[in-house]
Amino acid sequence: MPLAGIEWYDHNKQGFSYEDSSEHSACLCIAYQCGRLQLMRKLGDTKPFLVDTGMFIKCCKWNPNGNVLGVCGSISENGSEPRGVI
């Protein structure tokens, strides 16, 4: 499966804080072009969150606080022209 992106958010980053972030918050995202995401709490996470977005993923990016992951790509329904989605 071709990768669309790998994004890491460092919860220890200086200058940013998010009240709900903890050691249990996802900080690593592995996104595949086929629409699947793997969200991990740490490297080697044995129980990652697995998400099927149903779209062709182009890229992904954490916001500066690390509490939102933006994923953009395209989706085609019933053979229609692909449309951009976030």
N, C-alpha and C. Protein backbone atom coordinates (compact mmCIF):
# COMPACT_ATOMS: atom_id res chain seq x y z
N MET A 1 0.83 -1.18 0.00
CA MET A 1 0.00 0.00 0.00
C MET A 1 0.88 1.25 0.00
N PRO A 2 0.71 2.13 -0.98
CA PRO A 2 1.50 3.37 -1.00
C PRO A 2 1.11 4.31 0.13
N LEU A 3 2.12 4.94 0.73
CA LEU A 3 1.89 5.89 1.82
C LEU A 3 1.47 7.24 1.29
N ALA A 4 0.57 7.90 2.02
CA ALA A 4 0.19 9.27 1.73
C ALA A 4 0.93 10.21 2.67
N GLY A 5 1.27 9.72 3.86
CA GLY A 5 2.00 10.55 4.80
C GLY A 5 2.23 9.87 6.14
N ILE A 6 3.27 10.32 6.81
CA ILE A 6 3.56 9.91 8.19
C ILE A 6 3.74 11.20 8.97
N GLU A 7 2.94 11.39 10.00
CA GLU A 7 2.99 12.61 10.79
C GLU A 7 3.15 12.29 12.27
N TRP A 8 4.10 12.94 12.90
CA TRP A 8 4.38 12.76 14.31
C TRP A 8 4.09 14.08 15.03
N TYR A 9 3.39 14.02 16.16
CA TYR A 9 3.21 15.20 16.99
C TYR A 9 3.89 14.96 18.33
N ASP A 10 4.78 15.86 18.71
CA ASP A 10 5.50 15.75 19.97
C ASP A 10 4.71 16.47 21.06
N HIS A 11 4.08 15.71 21.95
CA HIS A 11 3.27 16.30 23.03
C HIS A 11 4.11 17.07 24.03
N ASN A 12 5.41 16.91 23.98
CA ASN A 12 6.30 17.64 24.88
C ASN A 12 6.82 18.93 24.26
N LYS A 13 6.29 19.28 23.09
CA LYS A 13 6.73 20.48 22.37
C LYS A 13 6.55 21.72 23.24
N GLN A 14 7.57 22.55 23.28
CA GLN A 14 7.52 23.79 24.06
C GLN A 14 6.56 24.78 23.42
N GLY A 15 5.82 25.51 24.23
CA GLY A 15 4.98 26.58 23.74
C GLY A 15 3.55 26.19 23.46
N PHE A 16 3.25 24.91 23.37
CA PHE A 16 1.89 24.47 23.10
C PHE A 16 1.44 23.55 24.23
N SER A 17 0.19 23.65 24.56
CA SER A 17 -0.35 22.71 25.53
C SER A 17 -1.81 22.46 25.19
N TYR A 18 -2.27 21.31 25.51
CA TYR A 18 -3.66 20.95 25.31
C TYR A 18 -4.10 20.20 26.55
N GLU A 19 -5.13 20.69 27.21
CA GLU A 19 -5.54 20.15 28.50
C GLU A 19 -5.83 18.66 28.48
N ASP A 20 -6.42 18.17 27.38
CA ASP A 20 -6.81 16.76 27.34
C ASP A 20 -5.72 15.84 26.81
N SER A 21 -4.58 16.38 26.41
CA SER A 21 -3.53 15.49 25.89
C SER A 21 -2.91 14.73 27.04
N SER A 22 -2.58 13.50 26.77
CA SER A 22 -1.96 12.66 27.78
C SER A 22 -1.13 11.61 27.07
N GLU A 23 -0.56 10.73 27.83
CA GLU A 23 0.22 9.64 27.24
C GLU A 23 -0.67 8.71 26.42
N HIS A 24 -1.99 8.82 26.58
CA HIS A 24 -2.92 7.98 25.84
C HIS A 24 -3.40 8.62 24.55
N SER A 25 -3.00 9.86 24.29
CA SER A 25 -3.40 10.55 23.06
C SER A 25 -2.55 10.06 21.90
N ALA A 26 -3.18 9.96 20.73
CA ALA A 26 -2.43 9.57 19.54
C ALA A 26 -1.44 10.66 19.18
N CYS A 27 -0.25 10.27 18.75
CA CYS A 27 0.75 11.25 18.35
C CYS A 27 1.42 10.87 17.02
N LEU A 28 1.18 9.68 16.54
CA LEU A 28 1.75 9.23 15.28
C LEU A 28 0.63 8.79 14.35
N CYS A 29 0.63 9.35 13.15
CA CYS A 29 -0.36 8.98 12.14
C CYS A 29 0.36 8.42 10.92
N ILE A 30 -0.04 7.25 10.51
CA ILE A 30 0.44 6.67 9.26
C ILE A 30 -0.76 6.59 8.34
N ALA A 31 -0.72 7.34 7.24
CA ALA A 31 -1.85 7.42 6.31
C ALA A 31 -1.48 6.76 4.99
N TYR A 32 -2.38 5.94 4.49
CA TYR A 32 -2.18 5.26 3.22
C TYR A 32 -3.10 5.86 2.17
N GLN A 33 -2.64 5.91 0.93
CA GLN A 33 -3.42 6.49 -0.16
C GLN A 33 -4.79 5.81 -0.31
N CYS A 34 -4.90 4.55 0.04
CA CYS A 34 -6.15 3.81 -0.12
C CYS A 34 -7.25 4.28 0.84
N GLY A 35 -6.91 5.18 1.78
CA GLY A 35 -7.91 5.72 2.69
C GLY A 35 -7.81 5.26 4.12
N ARG A 36 -6.86 4.40 4.41
CA ARG A 36 -6.73 3.90 5.77
C ARG A 36 -5.72 4.72 6.57
N LEU A 37 -6.04 4.90 7.85
CA LEU A 37 -5.16 5.59 8.80
C LEU A 37 -4.84 4.67 9.95
N GLN A 38 -3.64 4.80 10.46
CA GLN A 38 -3.26 4.10 11.68
C GLN A 38 -2.77 5.17 12.65
N LEU A 39 -3.49 5.36 13.75
CA LEU A 39 -3.13 6.35 14.77
C LEU A 39 -2.55 5.62 15.97
N MET A 40 -1.34 6.03 16.34
CA MET A 40 -0.62 5.33 17.39
C MET A 40 -0.27 6.28 18.53
N ARG A 41 -0.25 5.75 19.75
CA ARG A 41 0.09 6.52 20.94
C ARG A 41 1.59 6.66 21.10
N LYS A 42 2.34 5.71 20.58
CA LYS A 42 3.80 5.71 20.63
C LYS A 42 4.31 4.75 19.57
N LEU A 43 5.57 4.83 19.28
CA LEU A 43 6.18 3.92 18.33
C LEU A 43 6.07 2.50 18.90
N GLY A 44 5.63 1.56 18.10
CA GLY A 44 5.46 0.19 18.57
C GLY A 44 4.17 -0.06 19.31
N ASP A 45 3.20 0.86 19.18
CA ASP A 45 1.89 0.69 19.83
C ASP A 45 1.26 -0.62 19.34
N THR A 46 0.90 -1.49 20.26
CA THR A 46 0.34 -2.79 19.88
C THR A 46 -1.18 -2.76 19.66
N LYS A 47 -1.82 -1.65 20.04
CA LYS A 47 -3.26 -1.50 19.84
C LYS A 47 -3.57 -0.14 19.22
N PRO A 48 -3.14 0.11 17.99
CA PRO A 48 -3.39 1.41 17.36
C PRO A 48 -4.86 1.57 16.99
N PHE A 49 -5.27 2.83 16.78
CA PHE A 49 -6.60 3.11 16.26
C PHE A 49 -6.52 2.92 14.75
N LEU A 50 -7.43 2.14 14.18
CA LEU A 50 -7.46 1.91 12.74
C LEU A 50 -8.71 2.57 12.18
N VAL A 51 -8.54 3.41 11.15
CA VAL A 51 -9.64 4.17 10.57
C VAL A 51 -9.65 3.97 9.07
N ASP A 52 -10.82 3.71 8.50
CA ASP A 52 -10.99 3.67 7.05
C ASP A 52 -11.81 4.89 6.66
N THR A 53 -11.18 5.87 6.03
CA THR A 53 -11.84 7.13 5.71
C THR A 53 -12.76 7.03 4.50
N GLY A 54 -12.58 6.03 3.66
CA GLY A 54 -13.40 5.89 2.47
C GLY A 54 -13.00 6.86 1.36
N MET A 55 -11.84 7.46 1.48
CA MET A 55 -11.40 8.40 0.45
C MET A 55 -9.97 8.08 0.02
N PHE A 56 -9.55 8.67 -1.08
CA PHE A 56 -8.17 8.58 -1.54
C PHE A 56 -7.41 9.68 -0.82
N ILE A 57 -6.50 9.32 0.09
CA ILE A 57 -5.80 10.30 0.92
C ILE A 57 -4.61 10.88 0.16
N LYS A 58 -4.52 12.20 0.20
CA LYS A 58 -3.41 12.92 -0.42
C LYS A 58 -2.37 13.32 0.62
N CYS A 59 -2.83 13.83 1.79
CA CYS A 59 -1.90 14.21 2.85
C CYS A 59 -2.63 14.33 4.18
N CYS A 60 -1.85 14.43 5.26
CA CYS A 60 -2.40 14.60 6.60
C CYS A 60 -1.45 15.48 7.39
N LYS A 61 -1.98 16.17 8.40
CA LYS A 61 -1.17 17.08 9.20
C LYS A 61 -1.84 17.33 10.54
N TRP A 62 -1.07 17.31 11.63
CA TRP A 62 -1.58 17.68 12.95
C TRP A 62 -1.68 19.19 13.04
N ASN A 63 -2.66 19.70 13.79
CA ASN A 63 -2.70 21.14 14.05
C ASN A 63 -1.62 21.48 15.07
N PRO A 64 -1.31 22.76 15.31
CA PRO A 64 -0.22 23.12 16.21
C PRO A 64 -0.38 22.59 17.64
N ASN A 65 -1.61 22.37 18.10
CA ASN A 65 -1.82 21.86 19.46
C ASN A 65 -1.82 20.34 19.53
N GLY A 66 -1.86 19.66 18.40
CA GLY A 66 -1.84 18.20 18.39
C GLY A 66 -3.15 17.55 18.76
N ASN A 67 -4.25 18.32 18.79
CA ASN A 67 -5.53 17.73 19.17
C ASN A 67 -6.45 17.50 17.97
N VAL A 68 -6.02 17.91 16.77
CA VAL A 68 -6.82 17.70 15.56
C VAL A 68 -5.88 17.22 14.45
N LEU A 69 -6.30 16.20 13.76
CA LEU A 69 -5.56 15.71 12.61
C LEU A 69 -6.37 16.04 11.36
N GLY A 70 -5.80 16.83 10.48
CA GLY A 70 -6.46 17.15 9.22
C GLY A 70 -6.04 16.14 8.17
N VAL A 71 -7.01 15.61 7.44
CA VAL A 71 -6.73 14.64 6.38
C VAL A 71 -7.44 15.14 5.12
N CYS A 72 -6.71 15.25 4.03
CA CYS A 72 -7.35 15.72 2.80
C CYS A 72 -7.10 14.73 1.68
N GLY A 73 -8.03 14.73 0.75
CA GLY A 73 -7.94 13.83 -0.39
C GLY A 73 -9.14 14.00 -1.28
N SER A 74 -9.56 12.91 -1.89
CA SER A 74 -10.71 12.97 -2.79
C SER A 74 -11.58 11.74 -2.61
N ILE A 75 -12.82 11.89 -3.02
CA ILE A 75 -13.77 10.79 -2.93
C ILE A 75 -14.60 10.79 -4.21
N SER A 76 -14.90 9.60 -4.68
CA SER A 76 -15.72 9.46 -5.88
C SER A 76 -16.87 8.52 -5.54
N GLU A 77 -18.10 9.01 -5.69
CA GLU A 77 -19.27 8.21 -5.36
C GLU A 77 -19.98 7.77 -6.63
N ASN A 78 -20.25 6.49 -6.73
CA ASN A 78 -20.99 5.91 -7.86
C ASN A 78 -20.39 6.28 -9.21
N GLY A 79 -19.07 6.28 -9.29
CA GLY A 79 -18.40 6.56 -10.56
C GLY A 79 -18.42 8.01 -10.97
N SER A 80 -18.85 8.91 -10.09
CA SER A 80 -18.88 10.34 -10.42
C SER A 80 -17.48 10.92 -10.40
N GLU A 81 -17.39 12.15 -10.87
CA GLU A 81 -16.11 12.88 -10.85
C GLU A 81 -15.63 13.01 -9.42
N PRO A 82 -14.33 12.73 -9.13
CA PRO A 82 -13.82 12.87 -7.76
C PRO A 82 -13.96 14.31 -7.27
N ARG A 83 -14.28 14.44 -5.98
CA ARG A 83 -14.36 15.77 -5.38
C ARG A 83 -13.45 15.80 -4.16
N GLY A 84 -12.88 16.98 -3.92
CA GLY A 84 -11.96 17.15 -2.80
C GLY A 84 -12.69 17.16 -1.47
N VAL A 85 -12.08 16.53 -0.48
CA VAL A 85 -12.65 16.49 0.88
C VAL A 85 -11.54 16.69 1.91
N ILE A 86 -11.94 17.22 3.07
CA ILE A 86 -11.02 17.36 4.20
C ILE A 86 -11.65 16.67 5.39
